[in-house]
């Protein structure tokens, strides 16, 4: 069975891929965007969260939260946004110019609703 698998797939392990739905600029993620995003809910197996990519983003700060997660502040063309990368505390400190992939979402914190990006992947620009 292993030989048949290697014959079909090859000897190298498969690399995970991330399907990106659209390339955006951070400034496009405004209140109107989030209103439209809310109309697409609920997200789940038949309706996955959108995955967006953004190039030329500057990571200004990063900090570890909850011992395992990475919270970052991203900037692009004067627009600032916060993002969280779950289970990625090992990437701290993160800084510099990046290309990022994320899912936009609302975060409920201390009784307030605010837009946030769930960082899924990133690479150096």
PDB file of N, CA and C in Angstrom:
ATOM      1  N   UNK A   1       0.819  -1.183   0.000  1.00  0.00           N
ATOM      2  CA  UNK A   1       0.000   0.000   0.000  1.00  0.00           C
ATOM      3  C   UNK A   1       0.873   1.261   0.000  1.00  0.00           C
ATOM      4  N   UNK A   2       1.946   1.233   0.796  1.00  0.00           N
ATOM      5  CA  UNK A   2       2.850   2.389   0.828  1.00  0.00           C
ATOM      6  C   UNK A   2       3.487   2.627  -0.533  1.00  0.00           C
ATOM      7  N   UNK A   3       3.845   1.551  -1.216  1.00  0.00           N
ATOM      8  CA  UNK A   3       4.467   1.691  -2.535  1.00  0.00           C
ATOM      9  C   UNK A   3       3.481   2.297  -3.535  1.00  0.00           C
ATOM     10  N   UNK A   4       2.226   1.876  -3.481  1.00  0.00           N
ATOM     11  CA  UNK A   4       1.212   2.428  -4.387  1.00  0.00           C
ATOM     12  C   UNK A   4       0.990   3.908  -4.097  1.00  0.00           C
ATOM     13  N   UNK A   5       0.959   4.257  -2.813  1.00  0.00           N
ATOM     14  CA  UNK A   5       0.787   5.660  -2.438  1.00  0.00           C
ATOM     15  C   UNK A   5       1.956   6.495  -2.952  1.00  0.00           C
ATOM     16  N   UNK A   6       3.180   6.002  -2.733  1.00  0.00           N
ATOM     17  CA  UNK A   6       4.363   6.750  -3.180  1.00  0.00           C
ATOM     18  C   UNK A   6       4.398   6.873  -4.696  1.00  0.00           C
ATOM     19  N   UNK A   7       3.933   5.837  -5.398  1.00  0.00           N
ATOM     20  CA  UNK A   7       3.896   5.881  -6.850  1.00  0.00           C
ATOM     21  C   UNK A   7       2.933   6.955  -7.350  1.00  0.00           C
ATOM     22  N   UNK A   8       1.811   7.124  -6.674  1.00  0.00           N
ATOM     23  CA  UNK A   8       0.812   8.100  -7.097  1.00  0.00           C
ATOM     24  C   UNK A   8       1.127   9.512  -6.630  1.00  0.00           C
ATOM     25  N   UNK A   9       1.654   9.644  -5.416  1.00  0.00           N
ATOM     26  CA  UNK A   9       1.864  10.965  -4.819  1.00  0.00           C
ATOM     27  C   UNK A   9       3.313  11.410  -4.930  1.00  0.00           C
ATOM     28  N   UNK A  10       4.241  10.465  -4.871  1.00  0.00           N
ATOM     29  CA  UNK A  10       5.656  10.790  -4.899  1.00  0.00           C
ATOM     30  C   UNK A  10       6.272  10.610  -3.532  1.00  0.00           C
ATOM     31  N   UNK A  11       7.592  10.627  -3.448  1.00  0.00           N
ATOM     32  CA  UNK A  11       8.265  10.360  -2.183  1.00  0.00           C
ATOM     33  C   UNK A  11       8.227  11.533  -1.188  1.00  0.00           C
ATOM     34  N   UNK A  12       8.031  12.738  -1.692  1.00  0.00           N
ATOM     35  CA  UNK A  12       8.022  13.904  -0.810  1.00  0.00           C
ATOM     36  C   UNK A  12       6.667  14.056  -0.125  1.00  0.00           C
ATOM     37  N   UNK A  13       6.668  14.452   1.137  1.00  0.00           N
ATOM     38  CA  UNK A  13       5.377  14.685   1.809  1.00  0.00           C
ATOM     39  C   UNK A  13       4.617  15.832   1.135  1.00  0.00           C
ATOM     40  N   UNK A  14       3.301  15.711   1.132  1.00  0.00           N
ATOM     41  CA  UNK A  14       2.480  16.767   0.539  1.00  0.00           C
ATOM     42  C   UNK A  14       2.579  18.033   1.373  1.00  0.00           C
ATOM     43  N   UNK A  15       2.629  19.166   0.694  1.00  0.00           N
ATOM     44  CA  UNK A  15       2.665  20.447   1.390  1.00  0.00           C
ATOM     45  C   UNK A  15       1.240  20.965   1.508  1.00  0.00           C
ATOM     46  N   UNK A  16       0.868  21.432   2.692  1.00  0.00           N
ATOM     47  CA  UNK A  16      -0.492  21.968   2.841  1.00  0.00           C
ATOM     48  C   UNK A  16      -0.672  23.221   1.991  1.00  0.00           C
ATOM     49  N   UNK A  17      -1.867  23.384   1.480  1.00  0.00           N
ATOM     50  CA  UNK A  17      -2.170  24.565   0.684  1.00  0.00           C
ATOM     51  C   UNK A  17      -3.321  25.325   1.339  1.00  0.00           C
ATOM     52  N   UNK A  18      -3.407  26.580   1.036  1.00  0.00           N
ATOM     53  CA  UNK A  18      -4.451  27.438   1.568  1.00  0.00           C
ATOM     54  C   UNK A  18      -5.096  28.138   0.376  1.00  0.00           C
ATOM     55  N   UNK A  19      -6.378  27.899   0.185  1.00  0.00           N
ATOM     56  CA  UNK A  19      -7.092  28.525  -0.926  1.00  0.00           C
ATOM     57  C   UNK A  19      -7.483  29.938  -0.515  1.00  0.00           C
ATOM     58  N   UNK A  20      -7.033  30.915  -1.277  1.00  0.00           N
ATOM     59  CA  UNK A  20      -7.332  32.319  -1.007  1.00  0.00           C
ATOM     60  C   UNK A  20      -8.462  32.756  -1.926  1.00  0.00           C
ATOM     61  N   UNK A  21      -9.485  33.369  -1.339  1.00  0.00           N
ATOM     62  CA  UNK A  21     -10.648  33.801  -2.109  1.00  0.00           C
ATOM     63  C   UNK A  21     -10.428  35.129  -2.825  1.00  0.00           C
ATOM     64  N   UNK A  22      -9.642  36.032  -2.233  1.00  0.00           N
ATOM     65  CA  UNK A  22      -9.425  37.350  -2.849  1.00  0.00           C
ATOM     66  C   UNK A  22      -8.204  38.025  -2.248  1.00  0.00           C
ATOM     67  N   UNK A  23      -7.591  38.884  -3.055  1.00  0.00           N
ATOM     68  CA  UNK A  23      -6.494  39.740  -2.609  1.00  0.00           C
ATOM     69  C   UNK A  23      -7.103  41.097  -2.266  1.00  0.00           C
ATOM     70  N   UNK A  24      -6.779  41.651  -1.104  1.00  0.00           N
ATOM     71  CA  UNK A  24      -7.367  42.915  -0.664  1.00  0.00           C
ATOM     72  C   UNK A  24      -6.299  43.835  -0.092  1.00  0.00           C
ATOM     73  N   UNK A  25      -6.707  45.050   0.160  1.00  0.00           N
ATOM     74  CA  UNK A  25      -5.921  46.017   0.920  1.00  0.00           C
ATOM     75  C   UNK A  25      -6.602  46.172   2.280  1.00  0.00           C
ATOM     76  N   UNK A  26      -5.847  46.418   3.334  1.00  0.00           N
ATOM     77  CA  UNK A  26      -6.444  46.542   4.668  1.00  0.00           C
ATOM     78  C   UNK A  26      -7.521  47.621   4.718  1.00  0.00           C
ATOM     79  N   UNK A  27      -7.324  48.698   3.982  1.00  0.00           N
ATOM     80  CA  UNK A  27      -8.296  49.802   4.013  1.00  0.00           C
ATOM     81  C   UNK A  27      -9.663  49.400   3.452  1.00  0.00           C
ATOM     82  N   UNK A  28      -9.722  48.321   2.688  1.00  0.00           N
ATOM     83  CA  UNK A  28     -10.989  47.845   2.141  1.00  0.00           C
ATOM     84  C   UNK A  28     -11.853  47.145   3.192  1.00  0.00           C
ATOM     85  N   UNK A  29     -11.260  46.792   4.314  1.00  0.00           N
ATOM     86  CA  UNK A  29     -11.975  46.073   5.366  1.00  0.00           C
ATOM     87  C   UNK A  29     -12.641  47.071   6.310  1.00  0.00           C
ATOM     88  N   UNK A  30     -13.592  47.804   5.773  1.00  0.00           N
ATOM     89  CA  UNK A  30     -14.275  48.852   6.531  1.00  0.00           C
ATOM     90  C   UNK A  30     -15.617  48.349   7.056  1.00  0.00           C
ATOM     91  N   UNK A  31     -16.403  49.237   7.634  1.00  0.00           N
ATOM     92  CA  UNK A  31     -17.695  48.867   8.223  1.00  0.00           C
ATOM     93  C   UNK A  31     -18.630  48.255   7.183  1.00  0.00           C
ATOM     94  N   UNK A  32     -18.629  48.769   5.972  1.00  0.00           N
ATOM     95  CA  UNK A  32     -19.495  48.228   4.919  1.00  0.00           C
ATOM     96  C   UNK A  32     -19.081  46.799   4.571  1.00  0.00           C
ATOM     97  N   UNK A  33     -17.774  46.556   4.498  1.00  0.00           N
ATOM     98  CA  UNK A  33     -17.288  45.202   4.247  1.00  0.00           C
ATOM     99  C   UNK A  33     -17.806  44.244   5.316  1.00  0.00           C
ATOM    100  N   UNK A  34     -17.694  44.629   6.576  1.00  0.00           N
ATOM    101  CA  UNK A  34     -18.123  43.751   7.664  1.00  0.00           C
ATOM    102  C   UNK A  34     -19.639  43.553   7.673  1.00  0.00           C
ATOM    103  N   UNK A  35     -20.395  44.543   7.223  1.00  0.00           N
ATOM    104  CA  UNK A  35     -21.844  44.358   7.092  1.00  0.00           C
ATOM    105  C   UNK A  35     -22.150  43.284   6.046  1.00  0.00           C
ATOM    106  N   UNK A  36     -21.445  43.327   4.934  1.00  0.00           N
ATOM    107  CA  UNK A  36     -21.630  42.305   3.906  1.00  0.00           C
ATOM    108  C   UNK A  36     -21.177  40.929   4.407  1.00  0.00           C
ATOM    109  N   UNK A  37     -20.091  40.908   5.145  1.00  0.00           N
ATOM    110  CA  UNK A  37     -19.585  39.653   5.698  1.00  0.00           C
ATOM    111  C   UNK A  37     -20.631  39.001   6.606  1.00  0.00           C
ATOM    112  N   UNK A  38     -21.309  39.802   7.398  1.00  0.00           N
ATOM    113  CA  UNK A  38     -22.325  39.272   8.310  1.00  0.00           C
ATOM    114  C   UNK A  38     -23.470  38.604   7.547  1.00  0.00           C
ATOM    115  N   UNK A  39     -23.761  39.077   6.360  1.00  0.00           N
ATOM    116  CA  UNK A  39     -24.840  38.488   5.545  1.00  0.00           C
ATOM    117  C   UNK A  39     -24.479  37.099   5.037  1.00  0.00           C
ATOM    118  N   UNK A  40     -23.202  36.771   5.014  1.00  0.00           N
ATOM    119  CA  UNK A  40     -22.764  35.464   4.529  1.00  0.00           C
ATOM    120  C   UNK A  40     -22.845  34.375   5.601  1.00  0.00           C
ATOM    121  N   UNK A  41     -23.036  34.768   6.850  1.00  0.00           N
ATOM    122  CA  UNK A  41     -23.097  33.799   7.947  1.00  0.00           C
ATOM    123  C   UNK A  41     -24.347  32.965   7.855  1.00  0.00           C
ATOM    124  N   UNK A  42     -24.393  31.815   8.474  1.00  0.00           N
ATOM    125  CA  UNK A  42     -23.363  31.215   9.336  1.00  0.00           C
ATOM    126  C   UNK A  42     -22.318  30.465   8.505  1.00  0.00           C
ATOM    127  N   UNK A  43     -21.090  30.489   9.004  1.00  0.00           N
ATOM    128  CA  UNK A  43     -20.008  29.767   8.352  1.00  0.00           C
ATOM    129  C   UNK A  43     -19.930  28.368   8.943  1.00  0.00           C
ATOM    130  N   UNK A  44     -19.559  27.429   8.120  1.00  0.00           N
ATOM    131  CA  UNK A  44     -19.453  26.043   8.557  1.00  0.00           C
ATOM    132  C   UNK A  44     -19.019  25.171   7.397  1.00  0.00           C
ATOM    133  N   UNK A  45     -19.245  23.854   7.488  1.00  0.00           N
ATOM    134  CA  UNK A  45     -18.759  22.922   6.471  1.00  0.00           C
ATOM    135  C   UNK A  45     -19.228  23.248   5.045  1.00  0.00           C
ATOM    136  N   UNK A  46     -20.464  23.640   4.850  1.00  0.00           N
ATOM    137  CA  UNK A  46     -20.944  23.950   3.512  1.00  0.00           C
ATOM    138  C   UNK A  46     -20.746  25.393   3.112  1.00  0.00           C
ATOM    139  N   UNK A  47     -20.289  26.213   4.037  1.00  0.00           N
ATOM    140  CA  UNK A  47     -20.118  27.643   3.800  1.00  0.00           C
ATOM    141  C   UNK A  47     -18.890  28.131   4.579  1.00  0.00           C
ATOM    142  N   UNK A  48     -17.683  27.839   4.074  1.00  0.00           N
ATOM    143  CA  UNK A  48     -16.475  28.197   4.830  1.00  0.00           C
ATOM    144  C   UNK A  48     -16.258  29.709   4.918  1.00  0.00           C
ATOM    145  N   UNK A  49     -15.561  30.109   5.972  1.00  0.00           N
ATOM    146  CA  UNK A  49     -15.191  31.524   6.121  1.00  0.00           C
ATOM    147  C   UNK A  49     -14.328  31.936   4.931  1.00  0.00           C
ATOM    148  N   UNK A  50     -14.488  33.173   4.454  1.00  0.00           N
ATOM    149  CA  UNK A  50     -13.619  33.619   3.359  1.00  0.00           C
ATOM    150  C   UNK A  50     -12.175  33.762   3.841  1.00  0.00           C
ATOM    151  N   UNK A  51     -11.258  33.458   2.946  1.00  0.00           N
ATOM    152  CA  UNK A  51      -9.829  33.625   3.209  1.00  0.00           C
ATOM    153  C   UNK A  51      -9.330  34.696   2.261  1.00  0.00           C
ATOM    154  N   UNK A  52      -8.748  35.740   2.844  1.00  0.00           N
ATOM    155  CA  UNK A  52      -8.247  36.873   2.071  1.00  0.00           C
ATOM    156  C   UNK A  52      -6.738  36.971   2.216  1.00  0.00           C
ATOM    157  N   UNK A  53      -6.101  37.564   1.234  1.00  0.00           N
ATOM    158  CA  UNK A  53      -4.656  37.780   1.280  1.00  0.00           C
ATOM    159  C   UNK A  53      -4.372  39.259   1.086  1.00  0.00           C
ATOM    160  N   UNK A  54      -3.281  39.683   1.682  1.00  0.00           N
ATOM    161  CA  UNK A  54      -2.886  41.082   1.607  1.00  0.00           C
ATOM    162  C   UNK A  54      -1.355  41.145   1.562  1.00  0.00           C
ATOM    163  N   UNK A  55      -0.825  41.774   0.533  1.00  0.00           N
ATOM    164  CA  UNK A  55       0.620  41.913   0.387  1.00  0.00           C
ATOM    165  C   UNK A  55       1.051  43.304   0.835  1.00  0.00           C
ATOM    166  N   UNK A  56       2.321  43.438   1.168  1.00  0.00           N
ATOM    167  CA  UNK A  56       2.851  44.743   1.551  1.00  0.00           C
ATOM    168  C   UNK A  56       2.340  45.241   2.883  1.00  0.00           C
ATOM    169  N   UNK A  57       2.160  44.334   3.819  1.00  0.00           N
ATOM    170  CA  UNK A  57       1.685  44.679   5.153  1.00  0.00           C
ATOM    171  C   UNK A  57       2.886  44.750   6.089  1.00  0.00           C
ATOM    172  N   UNK A  58       2.890  45.730   6.953  1.00  0.00           N
ATOM    173  CA  UNK A  58       3.967  45.880   7.932  1.00  0.00           C
ATOM    174  C   UNK A  58       3.476  45.390   9.281  1.00  0.00           C
ATOM    175  N   UNK A  59       4.200  44.445   9.876  1.00  0.00           N
ATOM    176  CA  UNK A  59       3.886  43.990  11.229  1.00  0.00           C
ATOM    177  C   UNK A  59       4.607  44.920  12.205  1.00  0.00           C
ATOM    178  N   UNK A  60       3.830  45.727  12.923  1.00  0.00           N
ATOM    179  CA  UNK A  60       4.406  46.723  13.820  1.00  0.00           C
ATOM    180  C   UNK A  60       4.782  46.139  15.170  1.00  0.00           C
ATOM    181  N   UNK A  61       3.901  45.301  15.719  1.00  0.00           N
ATOM    182  CA  UNK A  61       4.162  44.703  17.033  1.00  0.00           C
ATOM    183  C   UNK A  61       3.616  43.284  17.053  1.00  0.00           C
ATOM    184  N   UNK A  62       4.166  42.500  17.948  1.00  0.00           N
ATOM    185  CA  UNK A  62       3.609  41.180  18.215  1.00  0.00           C
ATOM    186  C   UNK A  62       3.776  40.900  19.701  1.00  0.00           C
ATOM    187  N   UNK A  63       2.810  40.163  20.242  1.00  0.00           N
ATOM    188  CA  UNK A  63       2.897  39.769  21.657  1.00  0.00           C
ATOM    189  C   UNK A  63       2.163  38.452  21.839  1.00  0.00           C
ATOM    190  N   UNK A  64       2.577  37.725  22.833  1.00  0.00           N
ATOM    191  CA  UNK A  64       1.955  36.446  23.142  1.00  0.00           C
ATOM    192  C   UNK A  64       0.767  36.697  24.057  1.00  0.00           C
ATOM    193  N   UNK A  65      -0.362  36.055  23.741  1.00  0.00           N
ATOM    194  CA  UNK A  65      -1.553  36.147  24.584  1.00  0.00           C
ATOM    195  C   UNK A  65      -2.014  34.726  24.899  1.00  0.00           C
ATOM    196  N   UNK A  66      -2.462  34.545  26.126  1.00  0.00           N
ATOM    197  CA  UNK A  66      -2.961  33.234  26.532  1.00  0.00           C
ATOM    198  C   UNK A  66      -1.937  32.123  26.405  1.00  0.00           C
ATOM    199  N   UNK A  67      -0.671  32.434  26.470  1.00  0.00           N
ATOM    200  CA  UNK A  67       0.465  31.519  26.425  1.00  0.00           C
ATOM    201  C   UNK A  67       0.697  30.838  25.081  1.00  0.00           C
ATOM    202  N   UNK A  68      -0.316  30.722  24.216  1.00  0.00           N
ATOM    203  CA  UNK A  68      -0.157  29.959  22.978  1.00  0.00           C
ATOM    204  C   UNK A  68      -0.429  30.760  21.717  1.00  0.00           C
ATOM    205  N   UNK A  69      -1.013  31.932  21.854  1.00  0.00           N
ATOM    206  CA  UNK A  69      -1.462  32.672  20.675  1.00  0.00           C
ATOM    207  C   UNK A  69      -0.617  33.918  20.460  1.00  0.00           C
ATOM    208  N   UNK A  70      -0.605  34.380  19.229  1.00  0.00           N
ATOM    209  CA  UNK A  70       0.178  35.550  18.845  1.00  0.00           C
ATOM    210  C   UNK A  70      -0.766  36.655  18.397  1.00  0.00           C
ATOM    211  N   UNK A  71      -0.680  37.793  19.037  1.00  0.00           N
ATOM    212  CA  UNK A  71      -1.486  38.967  18.680  1.00  0.00           C
ATOM    213  C   UNK A  71      -0.539  39.943  17.996  1.00  0.00           C
ATOM    214  N   UNK A  72      -0.935  40.437  16.817  1.00  0.00           N
ATOM    215  CA  UNK A  72      -0.072  41.343  16.062  1.00  0.00           C
ATOM    216  C   UNK A  72      -0.846  42.586  15.646  1.00  0.00           C
ATOM    217  N   UNK A  73      -0.129  43.657  15.445  1.00  0.00           N
ATOM    218  CA  UNK A  73      -0.697  44.875  14.883  1.00  0.00           C
ATOM    219  C   UNK A  73      -0.108  45.041  13.492  1.00  0.00           C
ATOM    220  N   UNK A  74      -1.002  45.124  12.496  1.00  0.00           N
ATOM    221  CA  UNK A  74      -0.596  45.233  11.100  1.00  0.00           C
ATOM    222  C   UNK A  74      -0.923  46.622  10.566  1.00  0.00           C
ATOM    223  N   UNK A  75      -0.094  47.103   9.658  1.00  0.00           N
ATOM    224  CA  UNK A  75      -0.311  48.415   9.048  1.00  0.00           C
ATOM    225  C   UNK A  75      -0.080  48.319   7.551  1.00  0.00           C
ATOM    226  N   UNK A  76      -0.907  49.102   6.831  1.00  0.00           N
ATOM    227  CA  UNK A  76      -0.734  49.220   5.379  1.00  0.00           C
ATOM    228  C   UNK A  76      -1.342  50.539   4.942  1.00  0.00           C
ATOM    229  N   UNK A  77      -0.544  51.388   4.334  1.00  0.00           N
ATOM    230  CA  UNK A  77      -1.016  52.683   3.821  1.00  0.00           C
ATOM    231  C   UNK A  77      -1.784  53.480   4.878  1.00  0.00           C
ATOM    232  N   UNK A  78      -1.293  53.496   6.096  1.00  0.00           N
ATOM    233  CA  UNK A  78      -1.915  54.275   7.167  1.00  0.00           C
ATOM    234  C   UNK A  78      -3.077  53.584   7.860  1.00  0.00           C
ATOM    235  N   UNK A  79      -3.473  52.413   7.404  1.00  0.00           N
ATOM    236  CA  UNK A  79      -4.570  51.664   8.029  1.00  0.00           C
ATOM    237  C   UNK A  79      -3.972  50.661   9.015  1.00  0.00           C
ATOM    238  N   UNK A  80      -4.460  50.668  10.252  1.00  0.00           N
ATOM    239  CA  UNK A  80      -3.992  49.755  11.291  1.00  0.00           C
ATOM    240  C   UNK A  80      -5.072  48.741  11.611  1.00  0.00           C
ATOM    241  N   UNK A  81      -4.677  47.473  11.775  1.00  0.00           N
ATOM    242  CA  UNK A  81      -5.617  46.424  12.159  1.00  0.00           C
ATOM    243  C   UNK A  81      -4.916  45.450  13.085  1.00  0.00           C
ATOM    244  N   UNK A  82      -5.699  44.852  13.980  1.00  0.00           N
ATOM    245  CA  UNK A  82      -5.174  43.811  14.847  1.00  0.00           C
ATOM    246  C   UNK A  82      -5.514  42.458  14.263  1.00  0.00           C
ATOM    247  N   UNK A  83      -4.620  41.497  14.494  1.00  0.00           N
ATOM    248  CA  UNK A  83      -4.837  40.133  14.037  1.00  0.00           C
ATOM    249  C   UNK A  83      -4.386  39.184  15.134  1.00  0.00           C
ATOM    250  N   UNK A  84      -4.964  37.997  15.115  1.00  0.00           N
ATOM    251  CA  UNK A  84      -4.550  36.969  16.065  1.00  0.00           C
ATOM    252  C   UNK A  84      -4.230  35.702  15.287  1.00  0.00           C
ATOM    253  N   UNK A  85      -3.147  35.054  15.682  1.00  0.00           N
ATOM    254  CA  UNK A  85      -2.736  33.780  15.096  1.00  0.00           C
ATOM    255  C   UNK A  85      -2.789  32.749  16.217  1.00  0.00           C
ATOM    256  N   UNK A  86      -3.805  31.895  16.170  1.00  0.00           N
ATOM    257  CA  UNK A  86      -3.983  30.909  17.228  1.00  0.00           C
ATOM    258  C   UNK A  86      -2.893  29.845  17.172  1.00  0.00           C
ATOM    259  N   UNK A  87      -2.405  29.463  18.342  1.00  0.00           N
ATOM    260  CA  UNK A  87      -1.377  28.428  18.508  1.00  0.00           C
ATOM    261  C   UNK A  87      -0.087  28.752  17.762  1.00  0.00           C
ATOM    262  N   UNK A  88       0.233  30.034  17.608  1.00  0.00           N
ATOM    263  CA  UNK A  88       1.443  30.431  16.891  1.00  0.00           C
ATOM    264  C   UNK A  88       2.380  31.290  17.738  1.00  0.00           C
ATOM    265  N   UNK A  89       2.334  31.137  19.049  1.00  0.00           N
ATOM    266  CA  UNK A  89       3.191  31.931  19.925  1.00  0.00           C
ATOM    267  C   UNK A  89       4.671  31.725  19.606  1.00  0.00           C
ATOM    268  N   UNK A  90       5.016  30.568  19.056  1.00  0.00           N
ATOM    269  CA  UNK A  90       6.408  30.285  18.715  1.00  0.00           C
ATOM    270  C   UNK A  90       6.970  31.201  17.638  1.00  0.00           C
ATOM    271  N   UNK A  91       6.115  31.906  16.909  1.00  0.00           N
ATOM    272  CA  UNK A  91       6.582  32.826  15.863  1.00  0.00           C
ATOM    273  C   UNK A  91       6.985  34.185  16.430  1.00  0.00           C
ATOM    274  N   UNK A  92       6.777  34.404  17.731  1.00  0.00           N
ATOM    275  CA  UNK A  92       7.118  35.678  18.369  1.00  0.00           C
ATOM    276  C   UNK A  92       8.618  35.783  18.526  1.00  0.00           C
ATOM    277  N   UNK A  93       9.231  36.907  18.278  1.00  0.00           N
ATOM    278  CA  UNK A  93       8.664  38.156  17.801  1.00  0.00           C
ATOM    279  C   UNK A  93       8.513  38.149  16.274  1.00  0.00           C
ATOM    280  N   UNK A  94       7.441  38.729  15.826  1.00  0.00           N
ATOM    281  CA  UNK A  94       7.163  38.851  14.402  1.00  0.00           C
ATOM    282  C   UNK A  94       7.194  40.333  14.055  1.00  0.00           C
ATOM    283  N   UNK A  95       7.934  40.690  13.024  1.00  0.00           N
ATOM    284  CA  UNK A  95       8.052  42.096  12.635  1.00  0.00           C
ATOM    285  C   UNK A  95       8.462  42.173  11.175  1.00  0.00           C
ATOM    286  N   UNK A  96       8.267  43.351  10.604  1.00  0.00           N
ATOM    287  CA  UNK A  96       8.721  43.600   9.248  1.00  0.00           C
ATOM    288  C   UNK A  96       7.624  43.478   8.213  1.00  0.00           C
ATOM    289  N   UNK A  97       8.034  43.524   6.959  1.00  0.00           N
ATOM    290  CA  UNK A  97       7.114  43.488   5.832  1.00  0.00           C
ATOM    291  C   UNK A  97       6.676  42.051   5.563  1.00  0.00           C
ATOM    292  N   UNK A  98       5.361  41.865   5.426  1.00  0.00           N
ATOM    293  CA  UNK A  98       4.799  40.527   5.260  1.00  0.00           C
ATOM    294  C   UNK A  98       3.743  40.491   4.167  1.00  0.00           C
ATOM    295  N   UNK A  99       3.492  39.299   3.682  1.00  0.00           N
ATOM    296  CA  UNK A  99       2.299  38.983   2.922  1.00  0.00           C
ATOM    297  C   UNK A  99       1.501  38.063   3.828  1.00  0.00           C
ATOM    298  N   UNK A 100       0.225  38.377   4.065  1.00  0.00           N
ATOM    299  CA  UNK A 100      -0.557  37.634   5.042  1.00  0.00           C
ATOM    300  C   UNK A 100      -1.816  37.046   4.408  1.00  0.00           C
ATOM    301  N   UNK A 101      -2.270  35.927   4.971  1.00  0.00           N
ATOM    302  CA  UNK A 101      -3.554  35.322   4.620  1.00  0.00           C
ATOM    303  C   UNK A 101      -4.354  35.246   5.918  1.00  0.00           C
ATOM    304  N   UNK A 102      -5.628  35.603   5.843  1.00  0.00           N
ATOM    305  CA  UNK A 102      -6.431  35.697   7.057  1.00  0.00           C
ATOM    306  C   UNK A 102      -7.909  35.522   6.746  1.00  0.00           C
ATOM    307  N   UNK A 103      -8.657  35.280   7.802  1.00  0.00           N
ATOM    308  CA  UNK A 103     -10.121  35.301   7.728  1.00  0.00           C
ATOM    309  C   UNK A 103     -10.591  36.474   8.569  1.00  0.00           C
ATOM    310  N   UNK A 104     -11.366  37.380   7.986  1.00  0.00           N
ATOM    311  CA  UNK A 104     -11.896  38.501   8.764  1.00  0.00           C
ATOM    312  C   UNK A 104     -13.038  38.011   9.650  1.00  0.00           C
ATOM    313  N   UNK A 105     -13.146  38.579  10.829  1.00  0.00           N
ATOM    314  CA  UNK A 105     -14.200  38.176  11.761  1.00  0.00           C
ATOM    315  C   UNK A 105     -14.459  39.288  12.757  1.00  0.00           C
ATOM    316  N   UNK A 106     -15.502  39.101  13.529  1.00  0.00           N
ATOM    317  CA  UNK A 106     -15.770  39.990  14.651  1.00  0.00           C
ATOM    318  C   UNK A 106     -15.276  39.315  15.909  1.00  0.00           C
ATOM    319  N   UNK A 107     -14.684  40.093  16.795  1.00  0.00           N
ATOM    320  CA  UNK A 107     -14.250  39.592  18.087  1.00  0.00           C
ATOM    321  C   UNK A 107     -15.091  40.256  19.167  1.00  0.00           C
ATOM    322  N   UNK A 108     -15.613  39.455  20.063  1.00  0.00           N
ATOM    323  CA  UNK A 108     -16.355  39.973  21.202  1.00  0.00           C
ATOM    324  C   UNK A 108     -15.414  39.961  22.389  1.00  0.00           C
ATOM    325  N   UNK A 109     -15.083  41.141  22.890  1.00  0.00           N
ATOM    326  CA  UNK A 109     -14.162  41.236  24.014  1.00  0.00           C
ATOM    327  C   UNK A 109     -14.676  42.299  24.965  1.00  0.00           C
ATOM    328  N   UNK A 110     -14.818  41.926  26.229  1.00  0.00           N
ATOM    329  CA  UNK A 110     -15.302  42.822  27.274  1.00  0.00           C
ATOM    330  C   UNK A 110     -16.613  43.497  26.858  1.00  0.00           C
ATOM    331  N   UNK A 111     -17.495  42.695  26.260  1.00  0.00           N
ATOM    332  CA  UNK A 111     -18.815  43.188  25.894  1.00  0.00           C
ATOM    333  C   UNK A 111     -18.862  44.070  24.665  1.00  0.00           C
ATOM    334  N   UNK A 112     -17.737  44.216  23.986  1.00  0.00           N
ATOM    335  CA  UNK A 112     -17.695  45.062  22.794  1.00  0.00           C
ATOM    336  C   UNK A 112     -17.362  44.226  21.569  1.00  0.00           C
ATOM    337  N   UNK A 113     -17.919  44.633  20.456  1.00  0.00           N
ATOM    338  CA  UNK A 113     -17.709  43.969  19.185  1.00  0.00           C
ATOM    339  C   UNK A 113     -16.736  44.800  18.354  1.00  0.00           C
ATOM    340  N   UNK A 114     -15.673  44.180  17.882  1.00  0.00           N
ATOM    341  CA  UNK A 114     -14.762  44.907  16.998  1.00  0.00           C
ATOM    342  C   UNK A 114     -14.180  43.969  15.948  1.00  0.00           C
ATOM    343  N   UNK A 115     -13.888  44.502  14.756  1.00  0.00           N
ATOM    344  CA  UNK A 115     -13.336  43.668  13.687  1.00  0.00           C
ATOM    345  C   UNK A 115     -11.926  43.199  14.032  1.00  0.00           C
ATOM    346  N   UNK A 116     -11.640  41.995  13.610  1.00  0.00           N
ATOM    347  CA  UNK A 116     -10.332  41.402  13.862  1.00  0.00           C
ATOM    348  C   UNK A 116     -10.019  40.449  12.722  1.00  0.00           C
ATOM    349  N   UNK A 117      -8.751  40.205  12.499  1.00  0.00           N
ATOM    350  CA  UNK A 117      -8.318  39.275  11.478  1.00  0.00           C
ATOM    351  C   UNK A 117      -7.753  38.017  12.152  1.00  0.00           C
ATOM    352  N   UNK A 118      -8.213  36.854  11.707  1.00  0.00           N
ATOM    353  CA  UNK A 118      -7.639  35.593  12.197  1.00  0.00           C
ATOM    354  C   UNK A 118      -6.551  35.218  11.212  1.00  0.00           C
ATOM    355  N   UNK A 119      -5.315  35.425  11.625  1.00  0.00           N
ATOM    356  CA  UNK A 119      -4.159  35.199  10.771  1.00  0.00           C
ATOM    357  C   UNK A 119      -3.972  33.705  10.551  1.00  0.00           C
ATOM    358  N   UNK A 120      -3.952  33.288   9.296  1.00  0.00           N
ATOM    359  CA  UNK A 120      -3.831  31.867   8.953  1.00  0.00           C
ATOM    360  C   UNK A 120      -2.439  31.494   8.478  1.00  0.00           C
ATOM    361  N   UNK A 121      -1.786  32.417   7.778  1.00  0.00           N
ATOM    362  CA  UNK A 121      -0.443  32.146   7.260  1.00  0.00           C
ATOM    363  C   UNK A 121       0.203  33.471   6.884  1.00  0.00           C
ATOM    364  N   UNK A 122       1.508  33.462   6.799  1.00  0.00           N
ATOM    365  CA  UNK A 122       2.228  34.668   6.378  1.00  0.00           C
ATOM    366  C   UNK A 122       3.596  34.267   5.841  1.00  0.00           C
ATOM    367  N   UNK A 123       4.156  35.179   5.082  1.00  0.00           N
ATOM    368  CA  UNK A 123       5.491  34.997   4.550  1.00  0.00           C
ATOM    369  C   UNK A 123       6.131  36.348   4.347  1.00  0.00           C
ATOM    370  N   UNK A 124       7.414  36.350   4.164  1.00  0.00           N
ATOM    371  CA  UNK A 124       8.134  37.600   3.934  1.00  0.00           C
ATOM    372  C   UNK A 124       7.809  38.128   2.560  1.00  0.00           C
ATOM    373  N   UNK A 125       7.581  39.408   2.474  1.00  0.00           N
ATOM    374  CA  UNK A 125       7.220  40.044   1.188  1.00  0.00           C
ATOM    375  C   UNK A 125       8.428  40.043   0.267  1.00  0.00           C
TER     376      UNK A 125
END
